[in-house]
Amino acid sequence: CQPAAELIGFRMGELRGLSRWRARYHGIGLDEPLISNATEKAGMLLVQVERFMRVLSSVLQQVCL
């Protein structure tokens, strides 16, 4: 799950870079403020996934003891 969230964050960063090329990509909806907001949300998702993985790891350690 974590690699998928990291990949989403990476791809969102790429889209953010492309959104800065307004003449080429603005017509298809790559608006920089919208992409920046989506990139921020993807980062928040990654933080939540990392927290979940830590909790899951802790629970699994307690169960296996």
C-alpha atoms as a PDB file:
ATOM      1  CA  CYS A   1       0.000   0.000   0.000  1.00  0.00           C
ATOM      2  CA  GLN A   2       2.793   2.430   0.851  1.00  0.00           C
ATOM      3  CA  PRO A   3       4.565   2.112  -2.538  1.00  0.00           C
ATOM      4  CA  ALA A   4       1.234   2.850  -4.249  1.00  0.00           C
ATOM      5  CA  ALA A   5       0.778   6.016  -2.178  1.00  0.00           C
ATOM      6  CA  GLU A   6       4.355   7.070  -2.940  1.00  0.00           C
ATOM      7  CA  LEU A   7       3.739   6.493  -6.637  1.00  0.00           C
ATOM      8  CA  ILE A   8       0.600   8.640  -6.495  1.00  0.00           C
ATOM      9  CA  GLY A   9       2.592  11.432  -4.850  1.00  0.00           C
ATOM     10  CA  PHE A  10       5.342  11.161  -7.461  1.00  0.00           C
ATOM     11  CA  ARG A  11       2.893  11.255 -10.373  1.00  0.00           C
ATOM     12  CA  MET A  12       1.061  14.212  -8.855  1.00  0.00           C
ATOM     13  CA  GLY A  13       4.390  16.034  -8.705  1.00  0.00           C
ATOM     14  CA  GLU A  14       4.923  15.335 -12.384  1.00  0.00           C
ATOM     15  CA  LEU A  15       1.457  16.661 -13.187  1.00  0.00           C
ATOM     16  CA  ARG A  16       2.182  19.777 -11.158  1.00  0.00           C
ATOM     17  CA  GLY A  17       5.276  20.413 -13.259  1.00  0.00           C
ATOM     18  CA  LEU A  18       3.312  19.943 -16.477  1.00  0.00           C
ATOM     19  CA  SER A  19       0.557  22.251 -15.208  1.00  0.00           C
ATOM     20  CA  ARG A  20       3.067  25.105 -15.161  1.00  0.00           C
ATOM     21  CA  TRP A  21       3.274  24.840 -18.951  1.00  0.00           C
ATOM     22  CA  ARG A  22       0.002  26.731 -19.336  1.00  0.00           C
ATOM     23  CA  ALA A  23       0.138  27.209 -23.099  1.00  0.00           C
ATOM     24  CA  ARG A  24       0.224  23.479 -23.692  1.00  0.00           C
ATOM     25  CA  TYR A  25      -1.729  21.861 -20.866  1.00  0.00           C
ATOM     26  CA  HIS A  26      -4.186  24.418 -19.433  1.00  0.00           C
ATOM     27  CA  GLY A  27      -6.688  23.566 -22.173  1.00  0.00           C
ATOM     28  CA  ILE A  28      -7.032  20.000 -20.888  1.00  0.00           C
ATOM     29  CA  GLY A  29      -7.595  21.078 -17.306  1.00  0.00           C
ATOM     30  CA  LEU A  30      -4.112  20.970 -15.793  1.00  0.00           C
ATOM     31  CA  ASP A  31      -4.562  24.044 -13.631  1.00  0.00           C
ATOM     32  CA  GLU A  32      -1.593  24.609 -11.310  1.00  0.00           C
ATOM     33  CA  PRO A  33      -3.575  25.586  -8.166  1.00  0.00           C
ATOM     34  CA  LEU A  34      -5.834  22.537  -8.553  1.00  0.00           C
ATOM     35  CA  ILE A  35      -2.883  20.216  -9.116  1.00  0.00           C
ATOM     36  CA  SER A  36      -1.048  21.754  -6.141  1.00  0.00           C
ATOM     37  CA  ASN A  37      -4.078  21.074  -3.958  1.00  0.00           C
ATOM     38  CA  ALA A  38      -4.285  17.487  -5.216  1.00  0.00           C
ATOM     39  CA  THR A  39      -0.537  17.061  -4.582  1.00  0.00           C
ATOM     40  CA  GLU A  40      -1.022  18.252  -1.007  1.00  0.00           C
ATOM     41  CA  LYS A  41      -3.862  15.750  -0.543  1.00  0.00           C
ATOM     42  CA  ALA A  42      -1.687  12.951  -1.939  1.00  0.00           C
ATOM     43  CA  GLY A  43       1.010  13.887   0.594  1.00  0.00           C
ATOM     44  CA  MET A  44      -1.543  13.752   3.393  1.00  0.00           C
ATOM     45  CA  LEU A  45      -2.614  10.312   2.152  1.00  0.00           C
ATOM     46  CA  LEU A  46       0.993   9.125   2.305  1.00  0.00           C
ATOM     47  CA  VAL A  47       1.307  10.359   5.908  1.00  0.00           C
ATOM     48  CA  GLN A  48      -1.879   8.505   6.871  1.00  0.00           C
ATOM     49  CA  VAL A  49      -0.696   5.318   5.140  1.00  0.00           C
ATOM     50  CA  GLU A  50       2.607   5.497   7.035  1.00  0.00           C
ATOM     51  CA  ARG A  51       0.730   5.936  10.344  1.00  0.00           C
ATOM     52  CA  PHE A  52      -1.533   3.010   9.537  1.00  0.00           C
ATOM     53  CA  MET A  53       1.454   0.822   8.665  1.00  0.00           C
ATOM     54  CA  ARG A  54       3.123   1.653  12.009  1.00  0.00           C
ATOM     55  CA  VAL A  55      -0.054   0.834  13.936  1.00  0.00           C
ATOM     56  CA  LEU A  56      -0.546  -2.385  11.979  1.00  0.00           C
ATOM     57  CA  SER A  57       3.052  -3.412  12.583  1.00  0.00           C
ATOM     58  CA  SER A  58       2.659  -2.733  16.311  1.00  0.00           C
ATOM     59  CA  VAL A  59      -0.555  -4.750  16.514  1.00  0.00           C
ATOM     60  CA  LEU A  60       0.993  -7.650  14.622  1.00  0.00           C
ATOM     61  CA  GLN A  61       3.978  -7.664  16.968  1.00  0.00           C
ATOM     62  CA  GLN A  62       1.681  -7.813  20.000  1.00  0.00           C
ATOM     63  CA  VAL A  63      -0.382 -10.633  18.489  1.00  0.00           C
ATOM     64  CA  CYS A  64       2.675 -12.701  17.592  1.00  0.00           C
ATOM     65  CA  LEU A  65       4.211 -12.465  21.083  1.00  0.00           C
END
